[in-house]
């Protein structure tokens, strides 16, 4: 059975180690900068075996996952002595396998295995990773091994080339990180009528869940609702005037998102090209 080790036992490394170990993979241990941290002390992870060094992980593993912050991966790859026919895999979303070149030069197979998921903490990562899509960059036979791991985690996989990685990761930022920002902007607006952000978030969550449900079941563009989808220029005009008066710092964001939404509304077929031009003109001023 393949022995799997992790260099970097933070949120992602800990969650993947625990999950793969629970799905029948032979997790032999992980290294981290210090022996403290959420993975080993939170009580969420039992029998999580910590090794003394990155080199020890490499020495006892057939597949080494590097799950450190992206910026330190090149340094780690340079420092560790790899061996032929070993596999070295990073979990960066934006970086290609080119950063693993020292391992490749030593005769190891290299790959990328990125779970398309959000990692707020170890508990959340363990709960959220199963069923995710995994972006894989690797050559055979490692590619097949990583695809099998994705299946073991109840997930799907997509294959990426080196030149695809940054665009792929930027898309994830739009869908995940900037969703948080959008909700923050919405709760800021609620504070203009004296509703605190915590209460505003609680009120907005059913709307967000409904939107996600519609995206999943109806799809884009048909799931789009709201004034732009209806071509309701009167409502848009009211929004612009109120934002300019109460929260002028949000006006440019509203306009830019609106301009990006007009083509979606046009594709849905509920507005025509004339209405689309009128909306674009309002949102471009």
Protein backbone atom coordinates (compact mmCIF):
# COMPACT_ATOMS: atom_id res chain seq x y z
CA UNK A 1 0.00 0.00 0.00
CA UNK A 2 1.27 3.47 -0.89
CA UNK A 3 2.61 5.38 2.09
CA UNK A 4 1.35 8.98 2.17
CA UNK A 5 3.02 11.79 4.08
CA UNK A 6 2.43 15.52 4.41
CA UNK A 7 4.87 18.40 4.66
CA UNK A 8 2.75 21.06 6.27
CA UNK A 9 0.15 20.08 8.84
CA UNK A 10 -2.03 23.15 8.78
CA UNK A 11 -5.69 23.20 7.86
CA UNK A 12 -5.46 21.64 4.38
CA UNK A 13 -2.76 19.10 5.20
CA UNK A 14 -4.44 17.95 8.38
CA UNK A 15 -7.85 17.62 6.75
CA UNK A 16 -6.54 15.70 3.74
CA UNK A 17 -4.43 13.41 5.93
CA UNK A 18 -7.37 12.61 8.19
CA UNK A 19 -9.80 12.09 5.32
CA UNK A 20 -7.49 9.95 3.18
CA UNK A 21 -6.53 7.94 6.25
CA UNK A 22 -10.22 7.29 6.93
CA UNK A 23 -10.72 6.14 3.33
CA UNK A 24 -8.13 3.38 3.51
CA UNK A 25 -4.92 5.20 2.57
CA UNK A 26 -1.77 4.59 4.60
CA UNK A 27 -1.02 7.94 6.26
CA UNK A 28 2.46 7.62 7.76
CA UNK A 29 2.94 11.09 9.20
CA UNK A 30 3.28 14.81 8.74
CA UNK A 31 5.75 17.54 9.59
CA UNK A 32 5.10 21.10 10.68
CA UNK A 33 7.17 24.07 11.79
CA UNK A 34 6.11 23.59 15.39
CA UNK A 35 4.43 20.78 17.23
CA UNK A 36 1.52 22.94 18.32
CA UNK A 37 -1.39 24.08 16.19
CA UNK A 38 -4.98 23.29 15.46
CA UNK A 39 -4.46 19.89 13.89
CA UNK A 40 -2.85 18.21 16.89
CA UNK A 41 -4.38 20.07 19.81
CA UNK A 42 -7.96 20.84 18.89
CA UNK A 43 -9.32 17.43 19.84
CA UNK A 44 -10.76 17.12 16.34
CA UNK A 45 -7.94 14.91 15.08
CA UNK A 46 -6.96 11.65 16.77
CA UNK A 47 -3.80 9.59 16.14
CA UNK A 48 -2.36 12.36 13.98
CA UNK A 49 1.27 11.29 13.68
CA UNK A 50 3.80 14.13 13.61
CA UNK A 51 7.31 13.44 12.34
CA UNK A 52 10.43 15.38 13.26
CA UNK A 53 11.32 16.98 9.92
CA UNK A 54 10.36 17.46 6.30
CA UNK A 55 13.16 15.10 5.32
CA UNK A 56 11.78 12.35 7.57
CA UNK A 57 8.40 12.67 5.84
CA UNK A 58 10.10 12.32 2.46
CA UNK A 59 12.17 9.36 3.62
CA UNK A 60 9.20 7.26 4.78
CA UNK A 61 6.61 8.25 2.12
CA UNK A 62 5.89 7.07 -1.39
CA UNK A 63 3.72 10.13 -2.04
CA UNK A 64 4.55 13.40 -0.30
CA UNK A 65 1.93 16.15 -0.27
CA UNK A 66 3.31 19.64 0.30
CA UNK A 67 0.52 21.58 1.98
CA UNK A 68 2.42 24.61 3.21
CA UNK A 69 1.67 28.21 2.18
CA UNK A 70 2.39 28.59 -1.53
CA UNK A 71 5.29 30.99 -1.10
CA UNK A 72 7.44 28.51 0.79
CA UNK A 73 6.91 25.48 -1.48
CA UNK A 74 9.94 26.24 -3.72
CA UNK A 75 12.20 26.56 -0.67
CA UNK A 76 10.99 23.25 0.75
CA UNK A 77 11.43 21.43 -2.55
CA UNK A 78 14.99 22.70 -2.78
CA UNK A 79 15.91 21.63 0.75
CA UNK A 80 14.54 18.07 0.76
CA UNK A 81 16.47 15.18 -0.78
CA UNK A 82 14.04 13.32 -3.02
CA UNK A 83 14.44 9.90 -4.58
CA UNK A 84 13.60 8.35 -7.92
CA UNK A 85 10.10 6.95 -8.44
CA UNK A 86 8.79 8.89 -5.45
CA UNK A 87 5.81 11.24 -6.01
CA UNK A 88 5.79 14.84 -4.82
CA UNK A 89 2.47 16.69 -4.97
CA UNK A 90 1.63 20.26 -3.97
CA UNK A 91 -1.85 21.53 -3.17
CA UNK A 92 -1.48 25.07 -4.49
CA UNK A 93 -4.35 26.36 -6.59
CA UNK A 94 -2.38 28.98 -8.51
CA UNK A 95 1.04 27.36 -8.98
CA UNK A 96 1.88 24.75 -11.59
CA UNK A 97 4.12 21.73 -11.07
CA UNK A 98 7.02 23.83 -12.39
CA UNK A 99 7.79 24.84 -8.80
CA UNK A 100 8.51 21.16 -8.08
CA UNK A 101 11.32 21.02 -10.65
CA UNK A 102 14.05 20.02 -8.12
CA UNK A 103 12.04 16.92 -7.21
CA UNK A 104 11.51 16.11 -10.88
CA UNK A 105 15.23 16.47 -11.51
CA UNK A 106 15.86 13.95 -8.74
CA UNK A 107 13.72 11.41 -10.57
CA UNK A 108 10.49 11.88 -8.66
CA UNK A 109 7.09 12.22 -10.30
CA UNK A 110 5.42 15.56 -9.58
CA UNK A 111 1.82 16.69 -9.47
CA UNK A 112 -0.73 19.22 -8.30
CA UNK A 113 -3.84 18.27 -6.31
CA UNK A 114 -6.00 21.23 -5.35
CA UNK A 115 -9.35 20.79 -3.58
CA UNK A 116 -11.70 23.47 -4.87
CA UNK A 117 -13.04 24.28 -1.43
CA UNK A 118 -12.88 26.87 1.32
CA UNK A 119 -10.82 26.16 4.44
CA UNK A 120 -11.87 28.27 7.42
CA UNK A 121 -10.57 25.71 9.92
CA UNK A 122 -9.70 22.02 10.32
CA UNK A 123 -13.21 20.98 11.35
CA UNK A 124 -14.80 22.86 8.46
CA UNK A 125 -12.26 21.48 5.98
CA UNK A 126 -12.90 17.89 7.07
CA UNK A 127 -16.63 18.49 6.63
CA UNK A 128 -16.39 20.35 3.31
CA UNK A 129 -13.73 18.51 1.29
CA UNK A 130 -15.76 15.34 0.55
CA UNK A 131 -17.71 15.92 -2.66
CA UNK A 132 -15.45 18.71 -3.88
CA UNK A 133 -13.83 19.02 -7.28
CA UNK A 134 -10.06 18.46 -7.36
CA UNK A 135 -7.87 20.19 -9.92
CA UNK A 136 -5.13 17.78 -11.00
CA UNK A 137 -1.95 18.49 -12.90
CA UNK A 138 0.24 15.39 -13.32
CA UNK A 139 1.53 12.81 -15.75
CA UNK A 140 0.78 9.11 -15.62
CA UNK A 141 0.82 7.02 -13.52
CA UNK A 142 0.57 9.68 -10.82
CA UNK A 143 -2.40 11.30 -12.56
CA UNK A 144 -4.46 8.12 -12.18
CA UNK A 145 -3.48 7.81 -8.52
CA UNK A 146 -4.63 11.36 -7.80
CA UNK A 147 -7.89 10.81 -9.67
CA UNK A 148 -8.50 7.72 -7.53
CA UNK A 149 -7.94 9.82 -4.42
CA UNK A 150 -10.52 12.33 -5.62
CA UNK A 151 -13.02 9.50 -6.09
CA UNK A 152 -12.18 8.13 -2.63
CA UNK A 153 -13.08 11.56 -1.25
CA UNK A 154 -16.46 11.38 -3.04
CA UNK A 155 -15.29 14.10 -5.39
CA UNK A 156 -14.77 14.84 -9.04
CA UNK A 157 -11.58 15.87 -10.79
CA UNK A 158 -10.57 18.15 -13.62
CA UNK A 159 -7.24 18.10 -15.45
CA UNK A 160 -5.33 21.36 -15.81
CA UNK A 161 -2.28 22.39 -17.78
CA UNK A 162 0.39 24.57 -16.20
CA UNK A 163 -0.87 27.65 -18.04
CA UNK A 164 -4.42 27.10 -16.72
CA UNK A 165 -3.68 27.31 -13.01
CA UNK A 166 -3.74 31.06 -12.36
CA UNK A 167 -7.03 31.63 -14.21
CA UNK A 168 -8.52 28.63 -12.40
CA UNK A 169 -7.49 30.04 -9.04
CA UNK A 170 -8.72 33.56 -9.88
CA UNK A 171 -12.11 32.04 -10.69
CA UNK A 172 -12.17 30.46 -7.23
CA UNK A 173 -11.44 33.87 -5.70
CA UNK A 174 -14.41 35.37 -7.54
CA UNK A 175 -16.76 32.56 -6.44
CA UNK A 176 -15.60 32.24 -2.85
CA UNK A 177 -13.56 35.12 -1.45
CA UNK A 178 -15.42 37.89 -3.21
CA UNK A 179 -18.75 36.40 -2.18
CA UNK A 180 -17.68 37.17 1.38
CA UNK A 181 -16.86 40.72 0.31
CA UNK A 182 -20.23 41.15 -1.37
CA UNK A 183 -22.06 40.04 1.76
CA UNK A 184 -19.91 42.48 3.75
CA UNK A 185 -20.94 45.31 1.41
CA UNK A 186 -24.59 44.33 1.77
CA UNK A 187 -24.39 44.33 5.57
CA UNK A 188 -22.69 47.74 5.45
CA UNK A 189 -25.77 49.06 3.66
CA UNK A 190 -28.04 47.62 6.34
CA UNK A 191 -26.13 49.62 8.92
CA UNK A 192 -27.35 52.82 7.21
CA UNK A 193 -30.81 51.94 8.56
CA UNK A 194 -29.44 50.90 11.95
CA UNK A 195 -29.40 47.12 11.54
CA UNK A 196 -26.11 45.70 12.91
CA UNK A 197 -23.99 43.48 10.68
CA UNK A 198 -24.65 40.26 12.61
CA UNK A 199 -28.41 40.68 12.33
CA UNK A 200 -28.07 41.72 8.67
CA UNK A 201 -26.02 38.62 7.86
CA UNK A 202 -28.59 36.38 9.52
CA UNK A 203 -31.35 38.03 7.50
CA UNK A 204 -29.46 37.80 4.20
CA UNK A 205 -28.38 34.15 4.51
CA UNK A 206 -31.71 32.63 3.36
CA UNK A 207 -31.54 34.88 0.29
CA UNK A 208 -27.97 33.72 -0.39
CA UNK A 209 -28.92 30.06 0.08
CA UNK A 210 -31.88 30.52 -2.25
CA UNK A 211 -29.61 32.06 -4.87
CA UNK A 212 -27.14 29.18 -4.60
CA UNK A 213 -30.02 26.70 -4.90
CA UNK A 214 -31.23 28.44 -8.05
CA UNK A 215 -27.74 28.44 -9.54
CA UNK A 216 -27.52 24.70 -8.89
CA UNK A 217 -31.02 23.75 -10.08
CA UNK A 218 -31.82 26.30 -12.79
CA UNK A 219 -28.36 27.41 -13.85
CA UNK A 220 -26.94 30.63 -15.24
CA UNK A 221 -28.39 32.79 -16.83
CA UNK A 222 -31.91 31.60 -16.01
CA UNK A 223 -31.41 31.93 -12.25
CA UNK A 224 -30.76 35.68 -12.46
CA UNK A 225 -33.43 37.81 -10.79
CA UNK A 226 -33.68 41.46 -9.76
CA UNK A 227 -33.99 44.84 -11.46
CA UNK A 228 -31.34 44.30 -14.14
CA UNK A 229 -32.91 40.96 -15.10
CA UNK A 230 -36.23 42.82 -15.47
CA UNK A 231 -34.80 45.89 -17.21
CA UNK A 232 -36.13 48.00 -14.34
CA UNK A 233 -34.23 51.25 -14.96
CA UNK A 234 -36.35 53.17 -12.46
CA UNK A 235 -35.23 50.97 -9.58
CA UNK A 236 -31.60 51.07 -10.72
CA UNK A 237 -31.78 54.89 -10.79
CA UNK A 238 -33.10 54.92 -7.22
CA UNK A 239 -30.27 52.63 -6.12
CA UNK A 240 -27.64 54.85 -7.69
CA UNK A 241 -29.02 58.01 -6.08
CA UNK A 242 -29.29 56.41 -2.64
CA UNK A 243 -25.82 54.92 -2.80
CA UNK A 244 -24.36 58.26 -3.85
CA UNK A 245 -26.05 59.90 -0.90
CA UNK A 246 -25.52 57.32 1.85
CA UNK A 247 -22.54 55.14 0.88
CA UNK A 248 -20.67 56.76 -2.01
CA UNK A 249 -17.76 54.37 -1.45
CA UNK A 250 -19.99 51.52 -2.70
CA UNK A 251 -21.20 53.28 -5.85
CA UNK A 252 -18.39 52.23 -8.17
CA UNK A 253 -18.65 48.59 -7.05
CA UNK A 254 -22.39 48.59 -7.64
CA UNK A 255 -21.95 50.04 -11.13
CA UNK A 256 -19.22 47.61 -12.15
CA UNK A 257 -21.16 44.59 -10.93
CA UNK A 258 -24.22 45.93 -12.68
CA UNK A 259 -22.37 46.29 -15.97
CA UNK A 260 -21.17 42.70 -15.66
CA UNK A 261 -24.75 41.59 -14.94
CA UNK A 262 -26.33 43.18 -18.02
CA UNK A 263 -25.02 40.51 -20.46
CA UNK A 264 -26.35 37.80 -18.12
CA UNK A 265 -29.79 39.43 -18.19
CA UNK A 266 -29.62 39.72 -21.98
CA UNK A 267 -28.72 36.04 -22.25
CA UNK A 268 -31.70 35.15 -20.06
CA UNK A 269 -33.92 36.81 -22.66
CA UNK A 270 -36.02 38.98 -20.36
CA UNK A 271 -34.55 42.23 -21.69
CA UNK A 272 -33.77 43.25 -25.25
CA UNK A 273 -30.70 44.95 -26.69
CA UNK A 274 -32.23 48.42 -26.36
CA UNK A 275 -32.88 47.88 -22.65
CA UNK A 276 -29.39 46.47 -22.24
CA UNK A 277 -27.88 49.61 -23.78
CA UNK A 278 -29.96 51.83 -21.49
CA UNK A 279 -28.81 49.90 -18.42
CA UNK A 280 -25.18 49.99 -19.52
CA UNK A 281 -25.41 53.73 -20.06
CA UNK A 282 -26.85 54.31 -16.57
CA UNK A 283 -24.16 52.17 -14.97
CA UNK A 284 -21.31 53.78 -16.88
CA UNK A 285 -21.84 57.37 -15.77
